[in-house]
Amino acid sequence: MGREIYRVPLDFNWPLRKVWQGFLNPYWKQCAHCGGTGATAGDRWFNKWLEEFQISATNPTDANRNARAKELHELFVALSGEPKGVVLLEWGQTFSLKQKLLEIAGLPGWGRCTACDSTGIDAAVKAKYEAWEEELPPEGEGYQLWETVSEGSPISPVFPTKETFVDYLVTQGYSREAALNFVEHGWAPTMMMRDGKILNDIESCR
C-alpha cells in the first residue's frame, strides 16, 4: 500500500480519488445469513467473549479483566502445551484456543456459516465473483500518481514527461531526490521509519 506510478494515455480523465472501475469486483454481494462475516451469530459472540478475556498490552488497568485473561492464558497453555511465561494472550493464541476448545467439544466446524461456506459471499454470485479478474487502466505515455491504500485511484493530473511529473511532485512538498527515486522505482510504501523519523509515502524514497 502507498503510492504508485501508472503510465496512462495523456487524455485519461478518470475522476481523481475515485477507485478505478476495473479494480472493483461487480459481483460482490455479502451473504445475507452472516452479513458477510462468514460466521454464525454464535461464533461472533464467542469471539467477542474471548476478546474480553485478553490482556491489554498498552493499558492493563482493569485488574479483574486482567485476572480473567491470565486464567484464560493458563487454559491455553494447558491445552496447547506451549511454555508458560507469556503474559499477553495474543489474537493468534486466542484463535488457537478457540479451535482447540471446539476440537475437544467435537465441533471443529462450529460457527461457520453453511449458507456461504464461511466465505461471506452470497452463494448465488460466488462463482462469478471468484472468476472475475481485475482490469488495469489503459496504458499510455503519460505519468500519473495513484494511491494504493484503497483498491487504487488516481490522485494527480496526467503529465506528458518524467521531468514535468517530478516537478509536480516537488510542488506537492516532496524533495527532488525522493521524487526522482520514486519515478525510477515506480512505487513507494505508505510510510517508512528511518533514523527515528517517519517518512511518508514518496519521501521514503529519499
N, C-alpha and C. Protein backbone atom coordinates (compact mmCIF):
# COMPACT_ATOMS: atom_id res chain seq x y z
N MET A 1 0.83 -1.19 0.00
CA MET A 1 0.00 0.00 0.00
C MET A 1 0.87 1.25 0.00
N GLY A 2 0.43 2.29 -0.72
CA GLY A 2 1.20 3.51 -0.74
C GLY A 2 0.92 4.33 -1.97
N ARG A 3 1.99 4.61 -2.75
CA ARG A 3 1.89 5.40 -3.97
C ARG A 3 2.51 4.63 -5.13
N GLU A 4 1.92 4.80 -6.31
CA GLU A 4 2.40 4.07 -7.48
C GLU A 4 2.22 4.93 -8.72
N ILE A 5 3.10 4.73 -9.68
CA ILE A 5 3.01 5.45 -10.95
C ILE A 5 2.30 4.57 -11.97
N TYR A 6 1.30 5.15 -12.62
CA TYR A 6 0.65 4.46 -13.73
C TYR A 6 0.93 5.25 -15.01
N ARG A 7 1.33 4.54 -16.06
CA ARG A 7 1.52 5.14 -17.36
C ARG A 7 0.21 5.03 -18.11
N VAL A 8 -0.46 6.15 -18.26
CA VAL A 8 -1.80 6.18 -18.86
C VAL A 8 -1.81 7.12 -20.07
N PRO A 9 -2.84 7.06 -20.91
CA PRO A 9 -2.93 8.00 -22.04
C PRO A 9 -2.98 9.45 -21.55
N LEU A 10 -2.47 10.35 -22.35
CA LEU A 10 -2.44 11.76 -21.96
C LEU A 10 -3.83 12.34 -21.76
N ASP A 11 -4.83 11.76 -22.42
CA ASP A 11 -6.20 12.25 -22.26
C ASP A 11 -7.02 11.41 -21.28
N PHE A 12 -6.35 10.61 -20.50
CA PHE A 12 -7.05 9.79 -19.50
C PHE A 12 -7.69 10.72 -18.47
N ASN A 13 -8.99 10.60 -18.27
CA ASN A 13 -9.69 11.56 -17.41
C ASN A 13 -10.57 10.92 -16.35
N TRP A 14 -10.13 9.78 -15.83
CA TRP A 14 -10.88 9.17 -14.74
C TRP A 14 -10.85 10.10 -13.52
N PRO A 15 -11.98 10.30 -12.82
CA PRO A 15 -12.03 11.25 -11.68
C PRO A 15 -10.98 10.94 -10.62
N LEU A 16 -10.35 11.99 -10.11
CA LEU A 16 -9.35 11.81 -9.06
C LEU A 16 -10.01 11.29 -7.79
N ARG A 17 -9.26 10.43 -7.10
CA ARG A 17 -9.67 9.84 -5.82
C ARG A 17 -10.95 9.01 -5.91
N LYS A 18 -11.25 8.56 -7.10
CA LYS A 18 -12.33 7.61 -7.29
C LYS A 18 -11.72 6.28 -7.72
N VAL A 19 -12.03 5.21 -6.99
CA VAL A 19 -11.43 3.91 -7.29
C VAL A 19 -11.71 3.52 -8.74
N TRP A 20 -10.67 3.10 -9.42
CA TRP A 20 -10.78 2.70 -10.82
C TRP A 20 -11.76 1.54 -10.93
N GLN A 21 -12.68 1.65 -11.89
CA GLN A 21 -13.75 0.68 -12.03
C GLN A 21 -13.24 -0.74 -12.27
N GLY A 22 -12.08 -0.86 -12.90
CA GLY A 22 -11.53 -2.18 -13.17
C GLY A 22 -10.99 -2.89 -11.95
N PHE A 23 -10.91 -2.17 -10.81
CA PHE A 23 -10.42 -2.77 -9.57
C PHE A 23 -11.56 -3.21 -8.65
N LEU A 24 -12.79 -2.93 -9.04
CA LEU A 24 -13.94 -3.25 -8.20
C LEU A 24 -14.71 -4.44 -8.77
N ASN A 25 -14.76 -5.49 -8.02
CA ASN A 25 -15.49 -6.68 -8.46
C ASN A 25 -16.99 -6.39 -8.44
N PRO A 26 -17.64 -6.39 -9.61
CA PRO A 26 -19.06 -6.03 -9.66
C PRO A 26 -19.99 -7.11 -9.11
N TYR A 27 -19.43 -8.28 -8.84
CA TYR A 27 -20.28 -9.39 -8.40
C TYR A 27 -20.31 -9.56 -6.88
N TRP A 28 -19.65 -8.65 -6.17
CA TRP A 28 -19.66 -8.78 -4.71
C TRP A 28 -21.05 -8.57 -4.14
N LYS A 29 -21.48 -9.52 -3.35
CA LYS A 29 -22.74 -9.42 -2.61
C LYS A 29 -22.58 -10.24 -1.36
N GLN A 30 -22.72 -9.59 -0.23
CA GLN A 30 -22.47 -10.31 1.02
C GLN A 30 -23.59 -11.30 1.33
N CYS A 31 -23.21 -12.36 2.00
CA CYS A 31 -24.16 -13.39 2.40
C CYS A 31 -25.16 -12.79 3.38
N ALA A 32 -26.43 -12.97 3.10
CA ALA A 32 -27.48 -12.41 3.96
C ALA A 32 -27.57 -13.14 5.30
N HIS A 33 -27.08 -14.36 5.36
CA HIS A 33 -27.19 -15.14 6.59
C HIS A 33 -26.16 -14.73 7.64
N CYS A 34 -24.98 -14.31 7.19
CA CYS A 34 -23.91 -13.98 8.14
C CYS A 34 -23.46 -12.53 8.04
N GLY A 35 -24.08 -11.76 7.14
CA GLY A 35 -23.69 -10.36 6.98
C GLY A 35 -22.30 -10.18 6.40
N GLY A 36 -21.82 -11.18 5.67
CA GLY A 36 -20.51 -11.08 5.05
C GLY A 36 -19.36 -11.48 5.96
N THR A 37 -19.65 -11.95 7.17
CA THR A 37 -18.59 -12.31 8.11
C THR A 37 -18.11 -13.74 7.92
N GLY A 38 -18.94 -14.58 7.32
CA GLY A 38 -18.59 -15.99 7.18
C GLY A 38 -18.80 -16.79 8.44
N ALA A 39 -19.37 -16.14 9.46
CA ALA A 39 -19.55 -16.82 10.75
C ALA A 39 -21.00 -16.68 11.22
N THR A 40 -21.40 -17.59 12.08
CA THR A 40 -22.73 -17.52 12.66
C THR A 40 -22.74 -16.51 13.81
N ALA A 41 -23.92 -16.15 14.27
CA ALA A 41 -24.05 -15.22 15.38
C ALA A 41 -23.38 -15.79 16.63
N GLY A 42 -23.49 -17.10 16.82
CA GLY A 42 -22.86 -17.72 17.98
C GLY A 42 -21.36 -17.61 17.94
N ASP A 43 -20.78 -17.76 16.76
CA ASP A 43 -19.33 -17.65 16.62
C ASP A 43 -18.87 -16.23 16.89
N ARG A 44 -19.63 -15.25 16.40
CA ARG A 44 -19.27 -13.85 16.64
C ARG A 44 -19.33 -13.53 18.13
N TRP A 45 -20.30 -14.10 18.82
CA TRP A 45 -20.39 -13.90 20.27
C TRP A 45 -19.20 -14.55 20.96
N PHE A 46 -18.83 -15.74 20.52
CA PHE A 46 -17.71 -16.48 21.10
C PHE A 46 -16.42 -15.68 20.95
N ASN A 47 -16.21 -15.11 19.76
CA ASN A 47 -15.02 -14.31 19.52
C ASN A 47 -14.98 -13.10 20.44
N LYS A 48 -16.13 -12.46 20.61
CA LYS A 48 -16.20 -11.28 21.48
C LYS A 48 -15.90 -11.68 22.92
N TRP A 49 -16.40 -12.84 23.32
CA TRP A 49 -16.16 -13.32 24.68
C TRP A 49 -14.67 -13.57 24.90
N LEU A 50 -14.01 -14.17 23.91
CA LEU A 50 -12.58 -14.43 24.04
C LEU A 50 -11.79 -13.12 24.09
N GLU A 51 -12.20 -12.15 23.27
CA GLU A 51 -11.50 -10.87 23.26
C GLU A 51 -11.59 -10.18 24.62
N GLU A 52 -12.72 -10.33 25.28
CA GLU A 52 -12.90 -9.70 26.59
C GLU A 52 -11.93 -10.25 27.62
N PHE A 53 -11.41 -11.44 27.38
CA PHE A 53 -10.52 -12.06 28.34
C PHE A 53 -9.05 -11.84 28.01
N GLN A 54 -8.78 -11.08 26.98
CA GLN A 54 -7.39 -10.79 26.65
C GLN A 54 -6.86 -9.62 27.48
N ILE A 55 -5.58 -9.67 27.75
CA ILE A 55 -4.95 -8.58 28.48
C ILE A 55 -4.57 -7.47 27.51
N SER A 56 -4.83 -6.23 27.88
CA SER A 56 -4.40 -5.11 27.06
C SER A 56 -2.92 -4.86 27.30
N ALA A 57 -2.14 -4.93 26.22
CA ALA A 57 -0.69 -4.76 26.35
C ALA A 57 -0.30 -3.31 26.62
N THR A 58 -1.16 -2.37 26.21
CA THR A 58 -0.80 -0.96 26.33
C THR A 58 -1.47 -0.27 27.50
N ASN A 59 -2.57 -0.81 27.98
CA ASN A 59 -3.29 -0.16 29.07
C ASN A 59 -3.91 -1.19 30.00
N PRO A 60 -3.09 -1.97 30.70
CA PRO A 60 -3.62 -3.03 31.57
C PRO A 60 -4.11 -2.47 32.90
N THR A 61 -5.21 -1.73 32.87
CA THR A 61 -5.69 -1.07 34.08
C THR A 61 -6.83 -1.81 34.75
N ASP A 62 -7.51 -2.68 34.03
CA ASP A 62 -8.65 -3.39 34.59
C ASP A 62 -8.15 -4.66 35.27
N ALA A 63 -8.04 -4.61 36.60
CA ALA A 63 -7.47 -5.74 37.34
C ALA A 63 -8.31 -7.00 37.19
N ASN A 64 -9.63 -6.85 37.26
CA ASN A 64 -10.49 -8.02 37.13
C ASN A 64 -10.38 -8.64 35.75
N ARG A 65 -10.36 -7.78 34.74
CA ARG A 65 -10.26 -8.27 33.37
C ARG A 65 -8.91 -8.96 33.15
N ASN A 66 -7.85 -8.39 33.70
CA ASN A 66 -6.53 -8.99 33.55
C ASN A 66 -6.42 -10.31 34.27
N ALA A 67 -7.08 -10.41 35.43
CA ALA A 67 -7.06 -11.67 36.17
C ALA A 67 -7.76 -12.76 35.37
N ARG A 68 -8.89 -12.40 34.73
CA ARG A 68 -9.60 -13.39 33.91
C ARG A 68 -8.76 -13.78 32.70
N ALA A 69 -8.06 -12.78 32.14
CA ALA A 69 -7.23 -13.06 30.98
C ALA A 69 -6.09 -14.02 31.33
N LYS A 70 -5.53 -13.86 32.51
CA LYS A 70 -4.46 -14.76 32.94
C LYS A 70 -4.99 -16.19 33.08
N GLU A 71 -6.22 -16.30 33.58
CA GLU A 71 -6.83 -17.62 33.70
C GLU A 71 -7.03 -18.24 32.32
N LEU A 72 -7.42 -17.41 31.37
CA LEU A 72 -7.61 -17.89 30.01
C LEU A 72 -6.29 -18.33 29.40
N HIS A 73 -5.23 -17.57 29.72
CA HIS A 73 -3.92 -17.93 29.19
C HIS A 73 -3.44 -19.25 29.79
N GLU A 74 -3.71 -19.45 31.05
CA GLU A 74 -3.33 -20.72 31.68
C GLU A 74 -4.05 -21.89 31.02
N LEU A 75 -5.32 -21.64 30.65
CA LEU A 75 -6.07 -22.68 29.96
C LEU A 75 -5.45 -22.96 28.60
N PHE A 76 -5.03 -21.91 27.91
CA PHE A 76 -4.39 -22.08 26.61
C PHE A 76 -3.10 -22.88 26.75
N VAL A 77 -2.30 -22.57 27.77
CA VAL A 77 -1.04 -23.28 27.99
C VAL A 77 -1.30 -24.75 28.26
N ALA A 78 -2.34 -25.01 29.07
CA ALA A 78 -2.65 -26.40 29.42
C ALA A 78 -3.11 -27.20 28.21
N LEU A 79 -3.86 -26.58 27.33
CA LEU A 79 -4.39 -27.30 26.17
C LEU A 79 -3.39 -27.40 25.03
N SER A 80 -2.57 -26.38 24.87
CA SER A 80 -1.67 -26.34 23.73
C SER A 80 -0.30 -26.92 24.01
N GLY A 81 0.08 -26.95 25.29
CA GLY A 81 1.40 -27.44 25.63
C GLY A 81 2.49 -26.42 25.45
N GLU A 82 2.12 -25.17 25.12
CA GLU A 82 3.13 -24.13 24.96
C GLU A 82 3.69 -23.73 26.32
N PRO A 83 4.93 -23.22 26.35
CA PRO A 83 5.55 -22.85 27.62
C PRO A 83 4.84 -21.68 28.28
N LYS A 84 4.92 -21.65 29.59
CA LYS A 84 4.35 -20.55 30.35
C LYS A 84 5.27 -19.34 30.27
N GLY A 85 4.83 -18.25 30.86
CA GLY A 85 5.67 -17.06 30.91
C GLY A 85 5.19 -15.95 30.02
N VAL A 86 4.32 -16.25 29.05
CA VAL A 86 3.77 -15.21 28.19
C VAL A 86 2.57 -14.60 28.89
N VAL A 87 2.67 -13.32 29.19
CA VAL A 87 1.60 -12.67 29.95
C VAL A 87 0.41 -12.34 29.06
N LEU A 88 0.69 -11.90 27.85
CA LEU A 88 -0.37 -11.46 26.95
C LEU A 88 -0.84 -12.60 26.07
N LEU A 89 -2.14 -12.84 26.08
CA LEU A 89 -2.72 -13.82 25.18
C LEU A 89 -3.10 -13.09 23.90
N GLU A 90 -2.30 -13.26 22.86
CA GLU A 90 -2.50 -12.52 21.63
C GLU A 90 -3.60 -13.15 20.79
N TRP A 91 -3.98 -12.41 19.69
CA TRP A 91 -5.11 -12.86 18.88
C TRP A 91 -4.86 -14.25 18.31
N GLY A 92 -3.67 -14.50 17.81
CA GLY A 92 -3.39 -15.80 17.23
C GLY A 92 -3.56 -16.93 18.23
N GLN A 93 -3.15 -16.67 19.48
CA GLN A 93 -3.32 -17.67 20.52
C GLN A 93 -4.79 -17.84 20.89
N THR A 94 -5.51 -16.72 20.89
CA THR A 94 -6.94 -16.79 21.17
C THR A 94 -7.64 -17.66 20.13
N PHE A 95 -7.27 -17.47 18.87
CA PHE A 95 -7.86 -18.27 17.80
C PHE A 95 -7.51 -19.75 17.99
N SER A 96 -6.26 -20.02 18.35
CA SER A 96 -5.83 -21.40 18.56
C SER A 96 -6.59 -22.04 19.72
N LEU A 97 -6.80 -21.25 20.78
CA LEU A 97 -7.54 -21.76 21.92
C LEU A 97 -8.98 -22.08 21.53
N LYS A 98 -9.57 -21.19 20.77
CA LYS A 98 -10.94 -21.42 20.30
C LYS A 98 -11.03 -22.70 19.50
N GLN A 99 -10.09 -22.91 18.56
CA GLN A 99 -10.11 -24.11 17.74
C GLN A 99 -9.90 -25.36 18.59
N LYS A 100 -9.05 -25.25 19.62
CA LYS A 100 -8.80 -26.39 20.50
C LYS A 100 -10.04 -26.74 21.30
N LEU A 101 -10.73 -25.72 21.80
CA LEU A 101 -11.94 -25.96 22.57
C LEU A 101 -13.02 -26.61 21.71
N LEU A 102 -13.14 -26.17 20.48
CA LEU A 102 -14.13 -26.76 19.57
C LEU A 102 -13.76 -28.19 19.21
N GLU A 103 -12.44 -28.44 19.09
CA GLU A 103 -11.98 -29.80 18.79
C GLU A 103 -12.32 -30.74 19.93
N ILE A 104 -12.09 -30.28 21.15
CA ILE A 104 -12.39 -31.09 22.32
C ILE A 104 -13.89 -31.36 22.41
N ALA A 105 -14.68 -30.34 22.04
CA ALA A 105 -16.13 -30.49 22.10
C ALA A 105 -16.68 -31.33 20.95
N GLY A 106 -15.80 -31.70 20.01
CA GLY A 106 -16.25 -32.47 18.86
C GLY A 106 -17.00 -31.64 17.84
N LEU A 107 -16.73 -30.32 17.84
CA LEU A 107 -17.42 -29.40 16.93
C LEU A 107 -16.42 -28.55 16.15
N PRO A 108 -15.50 -29.17 15.41
CA PRO A 108 -14.45 -28.39 14.73
C PRO A 108 -14.98 -27.39 13.71
N GLY A 109 -16.15 -27.65 13.13
CA GLY A 109 -16.69 -26.74 12.13
C GLY A 109 -17.76 -25.81 12.67
N TRP A 110 -17.92 -25.79 13.98
CA TRP A 110 -18.97 -24.97 14.57
C TRP A 110 -18.72 -23.48 14.33
N GLY A 111 -19.78 -22.75 14.10
CA GLY A 111 -19.67 -21.32 13.97
C GLY A 111 -19.47 -20.83 12.55
N ARG A 112 -19.24 -21.72 11.62
CA ARG A 112 -19.04 -21.32 10.23
C ARG A 112 -20.38 -21.27 9.51
N CYS A 113 -20.57 -20.23 8.74
CA CYS A 113 -21.83 -20.08 8.01
C CYS A 113 -21.91 -21.12 6.90
N THR A 114 -22.92 -21.96 6.97
CA THR A 114 -23.06 -23.02 5.96
C THR A 114 -23.68 -22.49 4.66
N ALA A 115 -24.36 -21.37 4.73
CA ALA A 115 -25.00 -20.82 3.53
C ALA A 115 -23.97 -20.36 2.50
N CYS A 116 -22.83 -19.85 2.98
CA CYS A 116 -21.80 -19.34 2.06
C CYS A 116 -20.49 -20.10 2.20
N ASP A 117 -20.50 -21.18 2.94
CA ASP A 117 -19.30 -21.97 3.19
C ASP A 117 -18.21 -21.12 3.84
N SER A 118 -18.65 -20.21 4.70
CA SER A 118 -17.76 -19.37 5.51
C SER A 118 -16.97 -18.36 4.68
N THR A 119 -17.41 -18.08 3.45
CA THR A 119 -16.70 -17.11 2.62
C THR A 119 -17.23 -15.69 2.79
N GLY A 120 -18.45 -15.56 3.27
CA GLY A 120 -19.07 -14.26 3.42
C GLY A 120 -19.71 -13.75 2.14
N ILE A 121 -19.62 -14.54 1.04
CA ILE A 121 -20.14 -14.14 -0.26
C ILE A 121 -21.44 -14.89 -0.55
N ASP A 122 -22.42 -14.17 -1.06
CA ASP A 122 -23.69 -14.78 -1.41
C ASP A 122 -23.43 -15.94 -2.38
N ALA A 123 -23.99 -17.10 -2.06
CA ALA A 123 -23.74 -18.30 -2.87
C ALA A 123 -24.19 -18.13 -4.31
N ALA A 124 -25.20 -17.28 -4.56
CA ALA A 124 -25.73 -17.11 -5.91
C ALA A 124 -24.73 -16.42 -6.85
N VAL A 125 -23.81 -15.65 -6.28
CA VAL A 125 -22.85 -14.91 -7.12
C VAL A 125 -21.41 -15.36 -6.89
N LYS A 126 -21.21 -16.34 -6.04
CA LYS A 126 -19.85 -16.74 -5.66
C LYS A 126 -19.01 -17.16 -6.86
N ALA A 127 -19.58 -17.95 -7.77
CA ALA A 127 -18.81 -18.43 -8.92
C ALA A 127 -18.36 -17.26 -9.80
N LYS A 128 -19.26 -16.31 -10.06
CA LYS A 128 -18.90 -15.15 -10.87
C LYS A 128 -17.89 -14.27 -10.15
N TYR A 129 -18.06 -14.14 -8.83
CA TYR A 129 -17.15 -13.31 -8.03
C TYR A 129 -15.73 -13.86 -8.10
N GLU A 130 -15.59 -15.15 -7.96
CA GLU A 130 -14.27 -15.77 -7.94
C GLU A 130 -13.65 -15.84 -9.34
N ALA A 131 -14.48 -15.85 -10.39
CA ALA A 131 -13.95 -15.92 -11.75
C ALA A 131 -13.55 -14.55 -12.28
N TRP A 132 -14.02 -13.48 -11.63
CA TRP A 132 -13.73 -12.13 -12.11
C TRP A 132 -12.24 -11.82 -11.98
N GLU A 133 -11.70 -11.08 -12.95
CA GLU A 133 -10.31 -10.64 -12.92
C GLU A 133 -10.26 -9.13 -13.07
N GLU A 134 -9.37 -8.49 -12.32
CA GLU A 134 -9.29 -7.04 -12.39
C GLU A 134 -8.75 -6.57 -13.75
N GLU A 135 -9.12 -5.36 -14.10
CA GLU A 135 -8.69 -4.77 -15.36
C GLU A 135 -7.92 -3.49 -15.08
N LEU A 136 -6.67 -3.43 -15.51
CA LEU A 136 -5.83 -2.27 -15.28
C LEU A 136 -6.28 -1.09 -16.14
N PRO A 137 -5.93 0.14 -15.74
CA PRO A 137 -6.24 1.30 -16.58
C PRO A 137 -5.54 1.17 -17.92
N PRO A 138 -6.02 1.85 -18.96
CA PRO A 138 -5.36 1.78 -20.27
C PRO A 138 -3.95 2.33 -20.21
N GLU A 139 -3.05 1.74 -20.98
CA GLU A 139 -1.66 2.17 -20.99
C GLU A 139 -1.46 3.33 -21.96
N GLY A 140 -0.49 4.19 -21.63
CA GLY A 140 -0.19 5.31 -22.49
C GLY A 140 1.15 5.93 -22.16
N GLU A 141 1.41 7.10 -22.67
CA GLU A 141 2.68 7.78 -22.50
C GLU A 141 2.74 8.66 -21.25
N GLY A 142 1.60 8.94 -20.67
CA GLY A 142 1.55 9.86 -19.55
C GLY A 142 2.00 9.26 -18.23
N TYR A 143 2.31 10.16 -17.28
CA TYR A 143 2.70 9.76 -15.92
C TYR A 143 1.61 10.26 -14.97
N GLN A 144 1.10 9.36 -14.12
CA GLN A 144 0.07 9.75 -13.16
C GLN A 144 0.31 9.07 -11.83
N LEU A 145 0.09 9.81 -10.76
CA LEU A 145 0.27 9.29 -9.41
C LEU A 145 -1.02 8.65 -8.93
N TRP A 146 -0.90 7.44 -8.40
CA TRP A 146 -2.05 6.70 -7.87
C TRP A 146 -1.80 6.33 -6.41
N GLU A 147 -2.88 6.30 -5.64
CA GLU A 147 -2.78 5.78 -4.28
C GLU A 147 -3.23 4.32 -4.31
N THR A 148 -2.58 3.51 -3.49
CA THR A 148 -2.93 2.09 -3.41
C THR A 148 -3.36 1.70 -2.00
N VAL A 149 -3.73 2.72 -1.20
CA VAL A 149 -4.23 2.43 0.15
C VAL A 149 -5.62 1.81 0.03
N SER A 150 -6.43 2.31 -0.91
CA SER A 150 -7.70 1.68 -1.22
C SER A 150 -7.45 0.66 -2.33
N GLU A 151 -8.48 0.30 -3.09
CA GLU A 151 -8.25 -0.60 -4.22
C GLU A 151 -7.34 0.03 -5.26
N GLY A 152 -7.33 1.37 -5.32
CA GLY A 152 -6.45 2.07 -6.25
C GLY A 152 -7.19 3.16 -7.00
N SER A 153 -6.69 4.40 -6.90
CA SER A 153 -7.31 5.52 -7.60
C SER A 153 -6.27 6.57 -7.95
N PRO A 154 -6.48 7.35 -9.03
CA PRO A 154 -5.53 8.41 -9.40
C PRO A 154 -5.66 9.59 -8.46
N ILE A 155 -4.52 10.23 -8.16
CA ILE A 155 -4.55 11.38 -7.25
C ILE A 155 -3.75 12.56 -7.81
N SER A 156 -3.45 12.53 -9.09
CA SER A 156 -2.75 13.66 -9.72
C SER A 156 -3.20 13.78 -11.16
N PRO A 157 -2.96 14.93 -11.78
CA PRO A 157 -3.20 15.04 -13.22
C PRO A 157 -2.23 14.11 -13.97
N VAL A 158 -2.44 13.97 -15.27
CA VAL A 158 -1.54 13.19 -16.11
C VAL A 158 -0.50 14.14 -16.69
N PHE A 159 0.77 13.74 -16.60
CA PHE A 159 1.87 14.58 -17.09
C PHE A 159 2.53 13.93 -18.29
N PRO A 160 2.93 14.73 -19.27
CA PRO A 160 3.46 14.18 -20.53
C PRO A 160 4.89 13.65 -20.44
N THR A 161 5.67 14.14 -19.47
CA THR A 161 7.06 13.71 -19.38
C THR A 161 7.44 13.40 -17.94
N LYS A 162 8.51 12.66 -17.80
CA LYS A 162 9.02 12.33 -16.48
C LYS A 162 9.43 13.60 -15.73
N GLU A 163 10.02 14.56 -16.45
CA GLU A 163 10.51 15.78 -15.82
C GLU A 163 9.36 16.62 -15.26
N THR A 164 8.28 16.76 -16.03
CA THR A 164 7.15 17.56 -15.54
C THR A 164 6.47 16.86 -14.36
N PHE A 165 6.49 15.54 -14.38
CA PHE A 165 5.91 14.79 -13.27
C PHE A 165 6.73 15.00 -12.00
N VAL A 166 8.05 14.96 -12.11
CA VAL A 166 8.93 15.21 -10.96
C VAL A 166 8.72 16.62 -10.44
N ASP A 167 8.64 17.59 -11.33
CA ASP A 167 8.41 18.98 -10.92
C ASP A 167 7.10 19.09 -10.13
N TYR A 168 6.08 18.39 -10.59
CA TYR A 168 4.80 18.41 -9.88
C TYR A 168 4.95 17.85 -8.47
N LEU A 169 5.65 16.73 -8.33
CA LEU A 169 5.82 16.12 -7.01
C LEU A 169 6.55 17.07 -6.06
N VAL A 170 7.51 17.81 -6.58
CA VAL A 170 8.23 18.78 -5.75
C VAL A 170 7.28 19.88 -5.26
N THR A 171 6.35 20.30 -6.12
CA THR A 171 5.38 21.33 -5.70
C THR A 171 4.44 20.80 -4.63
N GLN A 172 4.34 19.47 -4.52
CA GLN A 172 3.48 18.87 -3.51
C GLN A 172 4.20 18.64 -2.19
N GLY A 173 5.45 19.14 -2.11
CA GLY A 173 6.17 19.07 -0.85
C GLY A 173 7.22 17.99 -0.74
N TYR A 174 7.41 17.21 -1.79
CA TYR A 174 8.42 16.16 -1.75
C TYR A 174 9.77 16.70 -2.20
N SER A 175 10.83 16.14 -1.65
CA SER A 175 12.16 16.56 -2.08
C SER A 175 12.41 16.06 -3.50
N ARG A 176 13.26 16.76 -4.24
CA ARG A 176 13.54 16.35 -5.61
C ARG A 176 14.23 14.99 -5.64
N GLU A 177 15.07 14.74 -4.67
CA GLU A 177 15.75 13.44 -4.60
C GLU A 177 14.74 12.31 -4.46
N ALA A 178 13.77 12.50 -3.56
CA ALA A 178 12.75 11.48 -3.35
C ALA A 178 11.90 11.30 -4.61
N ALA A 179 11.56 12.42 -5.25
CA ALA A 179 10.72 12.36 -6.45
C ALA A 179 11.43 11.62 -7.58
N LEU A 180 12.72 11.91 -7.75
CA LEU A 180 13.49 11.25 -8.81
C LEU A 180 13.60 9.75 -8.55
N ASN A 181 13.87 9.39 -7.31
CA ASN A 181 13.97 7.97 -6.97
C ASN A 181 12.63 7.26 -7.12
N PHE A 182 11.57 7.97 -6.76
CA PHE A 182 10.24 7.39 -6.88
C PHE A 182 9.91 7.10 -8.35
N VAL A 183 10.22 8.03 -9.22
CA VAL A 183 9.98 7.83 -10.65
C VAL A 183 10.81 6.67 -11.18
N GLU A 184 11.99 6.50 -10.63
CA GLU A 184 12.86 5.40 -11.06
C GLU A 184 12.29 4.05 -10.66
N HIS A 185 11.76 3.99 -9.44
CA HIS A 185 11.25 2.70 -8.92
C HIS A 185 9.78 2.49 -9.25
N GLY A 186 9.01 3.57 -9.31
CA GLY A 186 7.60 3.46 -9.67
C GLY A 186 6.65 3.14 -8.54
N TRP A 187 7.17 2.99 -7.32
CA TRP A 187 6.31 2.62 -6.19
C TRP A 187 6.93 3.09 -4.89
N ALA A 188 6.09 3.42 -3.91
CA ALA A 188 6.57 3.80 -2.58
C ALA A 188 5.58 3.29 -1.54
N PRO A 189 6.07 2.85 -0.38
CA PRO A 189 5.17 2.39 0.69
C PRO A 189 4.43 3.56 1.32
N THR A 190 3.45 3.25 2.14
CA THR A 190 2.68 4.30 2.81
C THR A 190 3.58 5.15 3.68
N MET A 191 4.48 4.52 4.41
CA MET A 191 5.44 5.26 5.21
C MET A 191 6.59 4.35 5.59
N MET A 192 7.68 4.97 6.07
CA MET A 192 8.85 4.21 6.46
C MET A 192 9.53 4.94 7.62
N MET A 193 10.04 4.18 8.55
CA MET A 193 10.78 4.75 9.68
C MET A 193 12.27 4.68 9.37
N ARG A 194 12.94 5.82 9.47
CA ARG A 194 14.38 5.84 9.21
C ARG A 194 15.05 6.82 10.17
N ASP A 195 16.05 6.32 10.90
CA ASP A 195 16.78 7.13 11.88
C ASP A 195 15.83 7.83 12.85
N GLY A 196 14.79 7.11 13.24
CA GLY A 196 13.84 7.64 14.20
C GLY A 196 12.84 8.61 13.64
N LYS A 197 12.85 8.82 12.32
CA LYS A 197 11.92 9.75 11.68
C LYS A 197 10.97 8.99 10.75
N ILE A 198 9.73 9.44 10.72
CA ILE A 198 8.74 8.85 9.85
C ILE A 198 8.76 9.57 8.50
N LEU A 199 8.97 8.81 7.44
CA LEU A 199 8.97 9.36 6.08
C LEU A 199 7.71 8.86 5.37
N ASN A 200 6.84 9.79 4.99
CA ASN A 200 5.59 9.42 4.37
C ASN A 200 5.72 9.13 2.88
N ASP A 201 5.07 8.10 2.44
CA ASP A 201 4.98 7.62 1.06
C ASP A 201 6.19 7.98 0.19
N ILE A 202 6.07 8.90 -0.76
CA ILE A 202 7.13 9.15 -1.73
C ILE A 202 8.44 9.61 -1.06
N GLU A 203 8.32 10.32 0.04
CA GLU A 203 9.52 10.81 0.71
C GLU A 203 10.38 9.68 1.24
N SER A 204 9.79 8.50 1.41
CA SER A 204 10.57 7.34 1.88
C SER A 204 11.57 6.89 0.81
N CYS A 205 11.41 7.37 -0.43
CA CYS A 205 12.37 7.03 -1.49
C CYS A 205 13.63 7.87 -1.42
N ARG A 206 13.65 8.85 -0.52
CA ARG A 206 14.80 9.75 -0.45
C ARG A 206 16.04 9.01 0.04
